[in-house]
Amino acid sequence: MDRNNWNLTMLCDFYELTMANGYFLKGFQDKITYFDIFFRRVPDGGGFAIAAGLEQLVEYIKNLHFSAEDIQYLRGRNMFDEAFLDYLAHFRFTGDIWAVPEGTPIFPNEPILTVRAPAIQAQMVETYALLCINHQSLLATKANRVVRAADGRAVMEFGARRAQGAEGAVNGARAAYIGGAAGTATVLSDQVFGVPALGTMAHSWVQMFDTQLEAFKAYCQLYPQNAVLLVDTYNTLKSGVPDAIRAFNEVLKPMGIKKCGIRLDSGDITYLTKEARKMLDAAGWTECTITVSNSLDEYLIQDLLLQGAQINAFGVGERLITARSEPVFGGVYKLVAVEQDGQVVPKIKISENVTKITTPHYKKFYRFFGNDNGKAIADYLCVYDETVDDTKPLEIFDPDATWKKKVVCDFTAREMQVPVFEKGECVYDLPSLEEIRAYCKQQVDTLWDEVKRFDNPHKYYVDLSRKLWEIKYNLLERTY
């Protein structure tokens, strides 16, 4: 099959189809169900994650269908009832979806996204919903760590050639931009999403010419407004930086251009950038920027800056686009309630591994912000029919260590999920990528610095309302 003709509705786990067939035969196809997407642990031991991937999920939901070719394939498996296949031929999503906006800081065990839909529909969207949310949330989270390590210096995503496939590169660049990256080397992500495409030259450009100086001068002549020269092809300090200075002097200086740069991709970055900075300043090129790359991550960047490296920008490749240190986000999709005789009936999953016990029921959650400083205090999960009156003090407690209590006063409670689909129709105005990126930065700024530590961050509390806590533990006692 031509990849251009792939139907992403078929990008599902086979068990979704076998269960859907079973639901149909057992008369459950119209039974209303509630599923949550949530994750159990922040990657890299961090204090928070960043939600991303909703836009791609919205486009997927809008286009849900089974083609004649899909039906033919399923019929050929000799496992599916003919009436069920006819049902799939007329399949579309008619349910409701709520989600946190992209760019929102998120924490373990709270619903990033909730699906309310007939059983078959809710089950069928599981794989692709997780694929979108897991992949982009992972990379937005990693990018945000790298950007915070850079401490105000630009970070460019340079990882397409090491990404897991084409969509991994293109959507990954989008997620990195949400997390705070300044741009990407991936042109298609600029064309499709508007992530600024950035870049200058590779070592092959320098090698193509008879001399390094000739290569540098040619590049300055071609791109005088974007002259960033890669100076480590041969010898960074003996020839690379001197030839760059000479090219700047001979080509850019007569044009009155002071904006230029050099890039290093190898060697002792701290030592080389310090020495290069001295050479550039001594030659009068004080505005020349220094960009570095070469298998960087947040820890290496942090160390370079602590050592006094003279760096203006970073190019971060494989360790960002693959989230190499922890390449799985771990989001899951779990049934939390069904409707029966007009009532919402909570459902719970129990496990010997207590971290896998789910929080039941159709829920909503609030984030509490202090009115004195705007900082996030805690998140509060409650049953869908509960409301929070933030004009009055509210006692919250740790759902695992219930004796740990806190009275929250002088706060604003904001409901975090927004409606995305209602009765199968999209009701959410997708924000622009620039708006998402700005929102992400603003929301991360509401977190205390202690939560933003890379190592041993302060635990941000996600608490349950008394009503929800009692429902959960009554189900545990009754079921276990």
Protein backbone atom coordinates (compact mmCIF):
# COMPACT_ATOMS: atom_id res chain seq x y z
CA MET A 1 0.00 0.00 0.00
CA ASP A 2 1.24 3.48 -0.89
CA ARG A 3 2.13 5.29 2.33
CA ASN A 4 0.28 8.37 1.09
CA ASN A 5 -2.91 6.30 1.18
CA TRP A 6 -2.48 5.03 4.74
CA ASN A 7 -5.63 5.41 6.82
CA LEU A 8 -4.54 6.30 10.35
CA THR A 9 -7.77 4.86 11.74
CA MET A 10 -6.06 1.52 11.13
CA LEU A 11 -3.06 2.62 13.21
CA CYS A 12 -4.49 0.79 16.19
CA ASP A 13 -3.70 -2.23 18.30
CA PHE A 14 -5.36 -5.39 17.01
CA TYR A 15 -7.04 -5.96 20.36
CA GLU A 16 -9.01 -2.75 19.85
CA LEU A 17 -10.65 -4.39 16.86
CA THR A 18 -11.24 -7.75 18.55
CA MET A 19 -12.74 -6.01 21.58
CA ALA A 20 -14.83 -3.75 19.36
CA ASN A 21 -16.18 -6.80 17.54
CA GLY A 22 -16.97 -8.34 20.92
CA TYR A 23 -18.65 -5.19 22.20
CA PHE A 24 -20.79 -5.16 19.07
CA LEU A 25 -21.84 -8.78 19.40
CA LYS A 26 -22.62 -8.32 23.11
CA GLY A 27 -24.70 -5.22 22.42
CA PHE A 28 -22.27 -2.78 24.05
CA GLN A 29 -21.68 -0.61 20.99
CA ASP A 30 -23.89 2.19 22.35
CA LYS A 31 -22.79 1.88 25.98
CA ILE A 32 -21.28 5.21 27.05
CA THR A 33 -17.80 4.90 28.54
CA TYR A 34 -15.21 7.25 30.02
CA PHE A 35 -11.47 6.83 29.45
CA ASP A 36 -8.62 8.93 30.85
CA ILE A 37 -5.12 9.47 29.51
CA PHE A 38 -2.64 10.01 32.31
CA PHE A 39 0.97 9.17 33.13
CA ARG A 40 2.50 7.78 36.29
CA ARG A 41 6.03 9.23 36.42
CA VAL A 42 7.81 12.28 35.00
CA PRO A 43 10.64 11.37 32.60
CA ASP A 44 14.21 11.89 33.84
CA GLY A 45 12.98 12.14 37.41
CA GLY A 46 11.81 15.69 36.74
CA GLY A 47 9.21 17.65 38.67
CA PHE A 48 6.70 18.12 35.84
CA ALA A 49 5.98 17.37 32.18
CA ILE A 50 4.60 19.46 29.31
CA ALA A 51 1.41 18.43 27.50
CA ALA A 52 1.67 18.35 23.69
CA GLY A 53 0.24 16.54 20.68
CA LEU A 54 -3.41 17.60 20.96
CA GLU A 55 -3.56 19.27 17.54
CA GLN A 56 -2.55 16.07 15.74
CA LEU A 57 -5.10 14.11 17.76
CA VAL A 58 -7.84 16.57 16.80
CA GLU A 59 -7.06 16.11 13.10
CA TYR A 60 -7.11 12.34 13.55
CA ILE A 61 -10.50 12.35 15.29
CA LYS A 62 -11.97 14.53 12.55
CA ASN A 63 -10.95 11.99 9.92
CA LEU A 64 -11.89 8.74 11.65
CA HIS A 65 -13.33 6.30 9.13
CA PHE A 66 -12.84 2.83 7.67
CA SER A 67 -12.39 2.63 3.92
CA ALA A 68 -13.62 -0.15 1.65
CA GLU A 69 -10.02 -1.37 1.48
CA ASP A 70 -9.84 -1.48 5.29
CA ILE A 71 -13.07 -3.48 5.49
CA GLN A 72 -11.77 -5.88 2.86
CA TYR A 73 -8.57 -6.42 4.84
CA LEU A 74 -10.51 -7.08 8.06
CA ARG A 75 -12.87 -9.46 6.29
CA GLY A 76 -9.84 -11.37 5.08
CA ARG A 77 -8.75 -12.03 8.68
CA ASN A 78 -11.84 -14.29 9.11
CA MET A 79 -12.33 -13.09 12.69
CA PHE A 80 -14.94 -10.36 12.46
CA ASP A 81 -18.72 -10.59 12.24
CA GLU A 82 -20.18 -9.29 8.97
CA ALA A 83 -22.64 -7.04 10.81
CA PHE A 84 -19.71 -5.54 12.72
CA LEU A 85 -17.87 -4.86 9.46
CA ASP A 86 -20.97 -3.10 8.15
CA TYR A 87 -20.97 -1.01 11.36
CA LEU A 88 -17.34 -0.03 10.69
CA ALA A 89 -18.20 0.97 7.14
CA HIS A 90 -20.36 3.75 8.62
CA PHE A 91 -18.08 4.50 11.55
CA ARG A 92 -17.48 8.03 12.82
CA PHE A 93 -16.71 9.59 16.19
CA THR A 94 -19.78 10.98 17.98
CA GLY A 95 -18.41 11.39 21.49
CA ASP A 96 -16.97 14.11 23.72
CA ILE A 97 -13.34 14.89 24.53
CA TRP A 98 -11.85 17.21 27.13
CA ALA A 99 -8.13 17.92 27.37
CA VAL A 100 -5.58 20.22 28.94
CA PRO A 101 -4.30 22.73 26.36
CA GLU A 102 -0.94 22.04 24.77
CA GLY A 103 1.91 23.66 26.63
CA THR A 104 0.37 23.05 30.06
CA PRO A 105 2.67 21.71 32.81
CA ILE A 106 1.20 18.37 33.87
CA PHE A 107 1.78 15.97 36.74
CA PRO A 108 1.40 12.23 37.36
CA ASN A 109 -2.01 10.62 37.75
CA GLU A 110 -4.13 13.52 36.56
CA PRO A 111 -6.27 13.26 33.40
CA ILE A 112 -4.46 14.93 30.51
CA LEU A 113 -7.36 13.96 28.27
CA THR A 114 -10.78 12.40 28.88
CA VAL A 115 -12.89 10.63 26.27
CA ARG A 116 -16.62 10.12 26.73
CA ALA A 117 -18.00 8.03 23.89
CA PRO A 118 -19.77 4.81 22.96
CA ALA A 119 -17.59 1.84 23.88
CA ILE A 120 -16.35 0.95 20.39
CA GLN A 121 -15.50 4.54 19.50
CA ALA A 122 -13.70 5.16 22.78
CA GLN A 123 -11.72 1.95 22.41
CA MET A 124 -10.74 2.57 18.79
CA VAL A 125 -8.97 5.89 19.45
CA GLU A 126 -6.71 4.52 22.19
CA THR A 127 -3.53 3.81 20.25
CA TYR A 128 -3.34 6.96 18.18
CA ALA A 129 -4.36 9.17 21.10
CA LEU A 130 -1.52 7.73 23.17
CA LEU A 131 0.89 7.94 20.25
CA CYS A 132 0.23 11.68 19.82
CA ILE A 133 0.26 12.60 23.49
CA ASN A 134 3.14 10.35 24.54
CA HIS A 135 5.53 11.32 21.76
CA GLN A 136 5.08 15.06 21.74
CA SER A 137 4.70 15.42 25.52
CA LEU A 138 7.97 13.53 25.96
CA LEU A 139 9.87 15.81 23.58
CA ALA A 140 8.27 19.04 24.78
CA THR A 141 9.26 18.03 28.31
CA LYS A 142 12.84 17.23 27.29
CA ALA A 143 13.14 20.44 25.26
CA ASN A 144 11.92 22.48 28.21
CA ARG A 145 14.61 20.96 30.42
CA VAL A 146 17.29 21.76 27.84
CA VAL A 147 16.00 25.30 27.35
CA ARG A 148 15.96 25.96 31.09
CA ALA A 149 19.54 24.66 31.34
CA ALA A 150 20.57 27.11 28.59
CA ASP A 151 19.48 29.95 30.88
CA GLY A 152 18.18 32.37 28.27
CA ARG A 153 20.46 31.30 25.42
CA ALA A 154 18.79 30.05 22.25
CA VAL A 155 18.40 26.30 21.77
CA MET A 156 17.95 24.91 18.25
CA GLU A 157 16.64 21.40 17.61
CA PHE A 158 19.11 19.64 15.30
CA GLY A 159 18.03 16.00 15.49
CA ALA A 160 16.09 14.97 12.37
CA ARG A 161 18.72 12.55 11.06
CA ARG A 162 18.64 10.64 14.35
CA ALA A 163 14.87 10.73 14.88
CA GLN A 164 12.65 7.66 14.80
CA GLY A 165 11.17 8.19 11.36
CA ALA A 166 9.89 11.13 9.38
CA GLU A 167 6.95 11.99 11.63
CA GLY A 168 9.22 11.63 14.64
CA ALA A 169 11.42 14.36 13.17
CA VAL A 170 8.66 16.71 11.99
CA ASN A 171 6.31 16.40 14.96
CA GLY A 172 9.29 16.22 17.29
CA ALA A 173 10.49 19.62 16.11
CA ARG A 174 6.99 20.98 16.74
CA ALA A 175 7.04 19.60 20.29
CA ALA A 176 10.53 20.98 20.92
CA TYR A 177 9.33 24.42 19.83
CA ILE A 178 6.41 24.22 22.27
CA GLY A 179 8.93 23.37 24.99
CA GLY A 180 10.90 26.52 24.22
CA ALA A 181 13.38 25.68 21.45
CA ALA A 182 14.08 28.65 19.19
CA GLY A 183 13.82 26.67 15.97
CA THR A 184 14.74 23.50 14.12
CA ALA A 185 17.02 22.29 11.37
CA THR A 186 14.07 20.38 9.87
CA VAL A 187 12.69 22.36 6.93
CA LEU A 188 9.46 20.36 6.64
CA SER A 189 8.51 21.27 10.21
CA ASP A 190 8.85 24.94 9.23
CA GLN A 191 6.77 24.42 6.09
CA VAL A 192 4.04 22.47 7.87
CA PHE A 193 3.95 24.03 11.34
CA GLY A 194 5.91 27.26 11.12
CA VAL A 195 8.74 26.13 13.40
CA PRO A 196 11.57 28.45 12.29
CA ALA A 197 14.09 26.51 10.18
CA LEU A 198 17.67 27.48 11.02
CA GLY A 199 21.12 26.42 9.90
CA THR A 200 24.18 27.36 7.89
CA MET A 201 26.82 24.87 6.77
CA ALA A 202 28.31 21.43 7.36
CA HIS A 203 31.96 20.37 7.33
CA SER A 204 31.50 19.23 3.73
CA TRP A 205 31.09 22.88 2.64
CA VAL A 206 34.54 23.69 3.97
CA GLN A 207 36.06 20.54 2.50
CA MET A 208 34.58 21.28 -0.92
CA PHE A 209 36.89 24.28 -1.44
CA ASP A 210 40.64 24.31 -1.92
CA THR A 211 41.10 26.34 1.25
CA GLN A 212 39.08 26.97 4.38
CA LEU A 213 39.38 30.73 3.91
CA GLU A 214 37.93 30.44 0.41
CA ALA A 215 35.00 28.45 1.79
CA PHE A 216 34.34 31.02 4.51
CA LYS A 217 34.56 34.00 2.18
CA ALA A 218 32.22 32.34 -0.33
CA TYR A 219 29.64 31.72 2.38
CA CYS A 220 29.87 35.29 3.67
CA GLN A 221 29.40 36.57 0.12
CA LEU A 222 26.35 34.37 -0.45
CA TYR A 223 24.70 34.89 2.95
CA PRO A 224 26.06 38.11 4.44
CA GLN A 225 23.06 38.48 6.77
CA ASN A 226 23.42 34.94 8.09
CA ALA A 227 27.15 34.30 8.13
CA VAL A 228 27.70 31.62 10.77
CA LEU A 229 30.90 29.71 10.00
CA LEU A 230 31.75 26.18 11.18
CA VAL A 231 35.31 26.58 12.43
CA ASP A 232 36.35 23.08 13.61
CA THR A 233 36.81 21.23 10.30
CA TYR A 234 40.61 21.32 10.61
CA ASN A 235 41.99 23.16 13.64
CA THR A 236 39.66 25.45 15.54
CA LEU A 237 42.12 27.89 17.09
CA LYS A 238 45.05 27.73 14.66
CA SER A 239 43.07 28.11 11.44
CA GLY A 240 39.30 27.98 11.98
CA VAL A 241 38.76 31.11 14.06
CA PRO A 242 41.56 33.11 12.33
CA ASP A 243 40.13 32.30 8.88
CA ALA A 244 36.65 33.25 10.08
CA ILE A 245 37.94 36.60 11.34
CA ARG A 246 39.70 37.20 8.04
CA ALA A 247 36.55 36.36 6.07
CA PHE A 248 34.49 38.69 8.26
CA ASN A 249 37.06 41.44 7.77
CA GLU A 250 37.30 41.04 4.00
CA VAL A 251 33.62 40.43 3.18
CA LEU A 252 31.33 41.66 5.96
CA LYS A 253 33.22 44.64 7.30
CA PRO A 254 33.15 46.60 3.99
CA MET A 255 29.36 46.05 3.95
CA GLY A 256 29.04 47.48 7.45
CA ILE A 257 27.72 44.16 8.77
CA LYS A 258 28.58 43.37 12.38
CA LYS A 259 26.17 40.51 12.92
CA CYS A 260 27.88 37.15 12.35
CA GLY A 261 28.80 33.97 14.16
CA ILE A 262 30.90 30.87 14.47
CA ARG A 263 29.91 27.31 15.39
CA LEU A 264 31.86 24.52 17.06
CA ASP A 265 30.85 20.88 16.81
CA SER A 266 33.74 19.11 18.51
CA GLY A 267 36.61 19.39 20.96
CA ASP A 268 36.83 20.81 24.46
CA ILE A 269 33.92 23.21 24.14
CA THR A 270 34.66 25.19 27.30
CA TYR A 271 38.30 25.83 26.45
CA LEU A 272 37.69 26.45 22.75
CA THR A 273 34.84 28.93 23.27
CA LYS A 274 36.82 30.87 25.86
CA GLU A 275 39.80 31.17 23.52
CA ALA A 276 37.63 31.90 20.49
CA ARG A 277 35.85 34.68 22.39
CA LYS A 278 39.18 36.31 23.22
CA MET A 279 40.30 36.13 19.58
CA LEU A 280 37.04 37.53 18.22
CA ASP A 281 36.94 40.37 20.73
CA ALA A 282 40.57 41.25 20.09
CA ALA A 283 39.80 41.46 16.37
CA GLY A 284 36.87 43.80 17.03
CA TRP A 285 34.12 41.23 16.41
CA THR A 286 32.52 41.61 19.82
CA GLU A 287 29.04 41.00 18.41
CA CYS A 288 30.01 37.72 16.78
CA THR A 289 28.04 34.90 18.41
CA ILE A 290 29.33 31.46 19.34
CA THR A 291 27.07 28.46 18.80
CA VAL A 292 27.98 24.94 19.90
CA SER A 293 26.60 21.49 19.16
CA ASN A 294 27.73 17.84 19.55
CA SER A 295 25.57 15.43 21.59
CA LEU A 296 24.41 18.00 24.12
CA ASP A 297 21.74 17.64 26.78
CA GLU A 298 20.61 19.65 29.78
CA TYR A 299 23.35 18.33 32.06
CA LEU A 300 26.19 18.97 29.62
CA ILE A 301 24.84 22.45 28.90
CA GLN A 302 24.57 23.19 32.59
CA ASP A 303 28.17 22.04 33.18
CA LEU A 304 29.54 24.03 30.24
CA LEU A 305 28.00 27.22 31.57
CA LEU A 306 29.18 26.53 35.11
CA GLN A 307 32.70 26.15 33.70
CA GLY A 308 32.47 29.59 32.09
CA ALA A 309 32.10 28.52 28.47
CA GLN A 310 31.44 31.50 26.18
CA ILE A 311 28.32 30.35 24.36
CA ASN A 312 25.43 32.30 22.85
CA ALA A 313 23.36 29.43 21.45
CA PHE A 314 23.14 25.65 21.42
CA GLY A 315 22.27 23.13 18.74
CA VAL A 316 20.85 20.00 20.40
CA GLY A 317 20.27 16.91 18.31
CA GLU A 318 19.89 13.23 19.13
CA ARG A 319 19.55 13.59 22.88
CA LEU A 320 16.55 15.86 22.40
CA ILE A 321 14.72 14.39 19.39
CA THR A 322 14.94 10.87 20.84
CA ALA A 323 14.78 11.92 24.51
CA ARG A 324 17.74 9.57 24.74
CA SER A 325 18.05 9.59 28.53
CA GLU A 326 14.47 8.28 28.90
CA PRO A 327 12.75 7.74 25.56
CA VAL A 328 9.30 6.65 26.82
CA PHE A 329 6.71 8.97 28.29
CA GLY A 330 4.52 6.24 29.74
CA GLY A 331 1.05 7.69 29.24
CA VAL A 332 -1.78 5.15 29.57
CA TYR A 333 -5.44 5.01 28.53
CA LYS A 334 -7.74 3.54 31.16
CA LEU A 335 -11.47 3.02 31.58
CA VAL A 336 -12.66 5.06 34.57
CA ALA A 337 -16.48 4.98 34.31
CA VAL A 338 -19.51 3.81 32.33
CA GLU A 339 -23.04 5.10 32.12
CA GLN A 340 -25.78 2.79 33.31
CA ASP A 341 -29.48 3.71 33.60
CA GLY A 342 -28.57 7.37 33.29
CA GLN A 343 -26.00 7.22 36.08
CA VAL A 344 -22.21 7.48 35.87
CA VAL A 345 -20.79 4.33 37.45
CA PRO A 346 -17.09 4.53 38.47
CA LYS A 347 -14.68 1.78 37.42
CA ILE A 348 -11.29 1.01 38.93
CA LYS A 349 -8.27 -1.06 37.89
CA ILE A 350 -6.49 -2.78 40.76
CA SER A 351 -2.96 -4.13 40.68
CA GLU A 352 -0.44 -5.74 43.03
CA ASN A 353 1.72 -2.84 41.89
CA VAL A 354 -0.01 -0.05 43.81
CA THR A 355 1.28 2.63 41.41
CA LYS A 356 -0.92 1.04 38.74
CA ILE A 357 -4.16 1.40 40.70
CA THR A 358 -6.28 3.91 38.82
CA THR A 359 -8.34 6.80 40.15
CA PRO A 360 -11.93 6.00 39.12
CA HIS A 361 -14.83 8.09 37.89
CA TYR A 362 -15.59 10.83 35.41
CA LYS A 363 -13.42 13.59 36.83
CA LYS A 364 -12.31 17.13 36.38
CA PHE A 365 -9.36 18.82 37.96
CA TYR A 366 -8.41 22.25 39.14
CA ARG A 367 -5.08 24.01 39.59
CA PHE A 368 -4.85 26.34 42.56
CA PHE A 369 -2.83 29.54 42.12
CA GLY A 370 -1.84 31.82 44.98
CA ASN A 371 -3.38 35.27 44.64
CA ASP A 372 -0.32 36.86 46.24
CA ASN A 373 2.27 35.58 43.76
CA GLY A 374 0.47 33.69 40.99
CA LYS A 375 2.38 30.50 41.78
CA ALA A 376 0.77 27.07 41.42
CA ILE A 377 0.00 25.55 44.83
CA ALA A 378 -1.46 22.12 44.02
CA ASP A 379 -3.77 20.28 41.63
CA TYR A 380 -7.12 19.00 42.85
CA LEU A 381 -8.99 16.10 41.26
CA CYS A 382 -12.69 15.82 41.97
CA VAL A 383 -15.85 14.18 40.67
CA TYR A 384 -17.39 15.82 37.61
CA ASP A 385 -20.32 17.28 39.57
CA GLU A 386 -18.18 18.97 42.23
CA THR A 387 -17.15 22.61 42.15
CA VAL A 388 -14.50 24.52 44.05
CA ASP A 389 -15.43 27.78 45.78
CA ASP A 390 -12.14 29.68 45.82
CA THR A 391 -13.61 32.51 47.87
CA LYS A 392 -13.36 30.27 50.95
CA PRO A 393 -10.46 28.37 52.54
CA LEU A 394 -10.22 24.72 51.42
CA GLU A 395 -8.52 21.86 53.23
CA ILE A 396 -6.62 19.50 50.93
CA PHE A 397 -4.75 16.33 51.84
CA ASP A 398 -2.24 13.89 50.41
CA PRO A 399 -4.29 10.98 48.99
CA ASP A 400 -1.62 8.46 50.00
CA ALA A 401 -0.61 9.98 53.34
CA THR A 402 -3.95 11.39 54.44
CA TRP A 403 -2.57 12.87 57.66
CA LYS A 404 -0.66 15.40 55.56
CA LYS A 405 -3.11 18.28 55.26
CA LYS A 406 -3.00 21.90 54.15
CA VAL A 407 -5.57 24.67 54.23
CA VAL A 408 -5.44 26.71 51.00
CA CYS A 409 -6.46 30.35 51.36
CA ASP A 410 -6.50 33.40 49.09
CA PHE A 411 -6.27 31.38 45.90
CA THR A 412 -7.78 31.13 42.44
CA ALA A 413 -9.01 27.74 41.23
CA ARG A 414 -8.77 27.17 37.48
CA GLU A 415 -10.35 24.16 35.79
CA MET A 416 -7.61 22.67 33.62
CA GLN A 417 -9.40 20.63 30.97
CA VAL A 418 -11.21 22.39 28.12
CA PRO A 419 -13.90 20.95 25.80
CA VAL A 420 -12.39 19.74 22.52
CA PHE A 421 -15.19 17.64 20.96
CA GLU A 422 -18.91 17.68 21.72
CA LYS A 423 -21.11 15.03 20.11
CA GLY A 424 -18.41 14.35 17.55
CA GLU A 425 -17.94 17.97 16.50
CA CYS A 426 -14.77 19.90 17.26
CA VAL A 427 -15.60 22.88 19.49
CA TYR A 428 -12.03 23.89 20.28
CA ASP A 429 -10.31 26.70 18.40
CA LEU A 430 -6.81 25.34 17.98
CA PRO A 431 -4.31 28.01 19.02
CA SER A 432 -1.36 28.90 16.82
CA LEU A 433 1.97 27.29 17.56
CA GLU A 434 3.33 30.65 18.70
CA GLU A 435 0.43 31.00 21.13
CA ILE A 436 1.04 27.50 22.50
CA ARG A 437 4.74 28.22 22.95
CA ALA A 438 4.07 31.51 24.75
CA TYR A 439 1.42 29.85 26.94
CA CYS A 440 3.88 27.10 27.86
CA LYS A 441 6.50 29.60 28.97
CA GLN A 442 3.96 31.57 30.98
CA GLN A 443 2.62 28.44 32.69
CA VAL A 444 6.07 27.06 33.52
CA ASP A 445 6.80 30.41 35.16
CA THR A 446 3.92 29.73 37.60
CA LEU A 447 5.86 26.78 39.04
CA TRP A 448 8.18 27.24 41.99
CA ASP A 449 11.88 26.88 41.24
CA GLU A 450 11.99 23.92 43.62
CA VAL A 451 9.61 22.02 41.32
CA LYS A 452 11.81 22.87 38.34
CA ARG A 453 15.00 21.34 39.73
CA PHE A 454 16.50 18.70 37.42
CA ASP A 455 17.44 16.41 40.32
CA ASN A 456 15.32 15.66 43.38
CA PRO A 457 12.64 18.23 42.55
CA HIS A 458 10.06 19.19 45.14
CA LYS A 459 6.97 16.98 44.83
CA TYR A 460 4.04 18.93 43.43
CA TYR A 461 0.88 17.58 45.00
CA VAL A 462 -2.02 16.19 43.02
CA ASP A 463 -4.75 15.74 45.59
CA LEU A 464 -8.19 14.16 45.51
CA SER A 465 -11.37 15.70 46.85
CA ARG A 466 -12.77 13.96 49.89
CA LYS A 467 -15.67 12.66 47.78
CA LEU A 468 -13.40 11.20 45.09
CA TRP A 469 -11.03 9.72 47.67
CA GLU A 470 -13.91 7.95 49.43
CA ILE A 471 -15.25 6.59 46.12
CA LYS A 472 -11.79 5.22 45.24
CA TYR A 473 -11.17 3.54 48.58
CA ASN A 474 -14.69 2.17 48.88
CA LEU A 475 -14.17 0.52 45.49
CA LEU A 476 -10.83 -0.86 46.64
CA GLU A 477 -12.33 -2.36 49.78
CA ARG A 478 -15.31 -3.79 47.89
CA THR A 479 -13.34 -5.18 44.97
CA TYR A 480 -10.03 -6.42 46.36
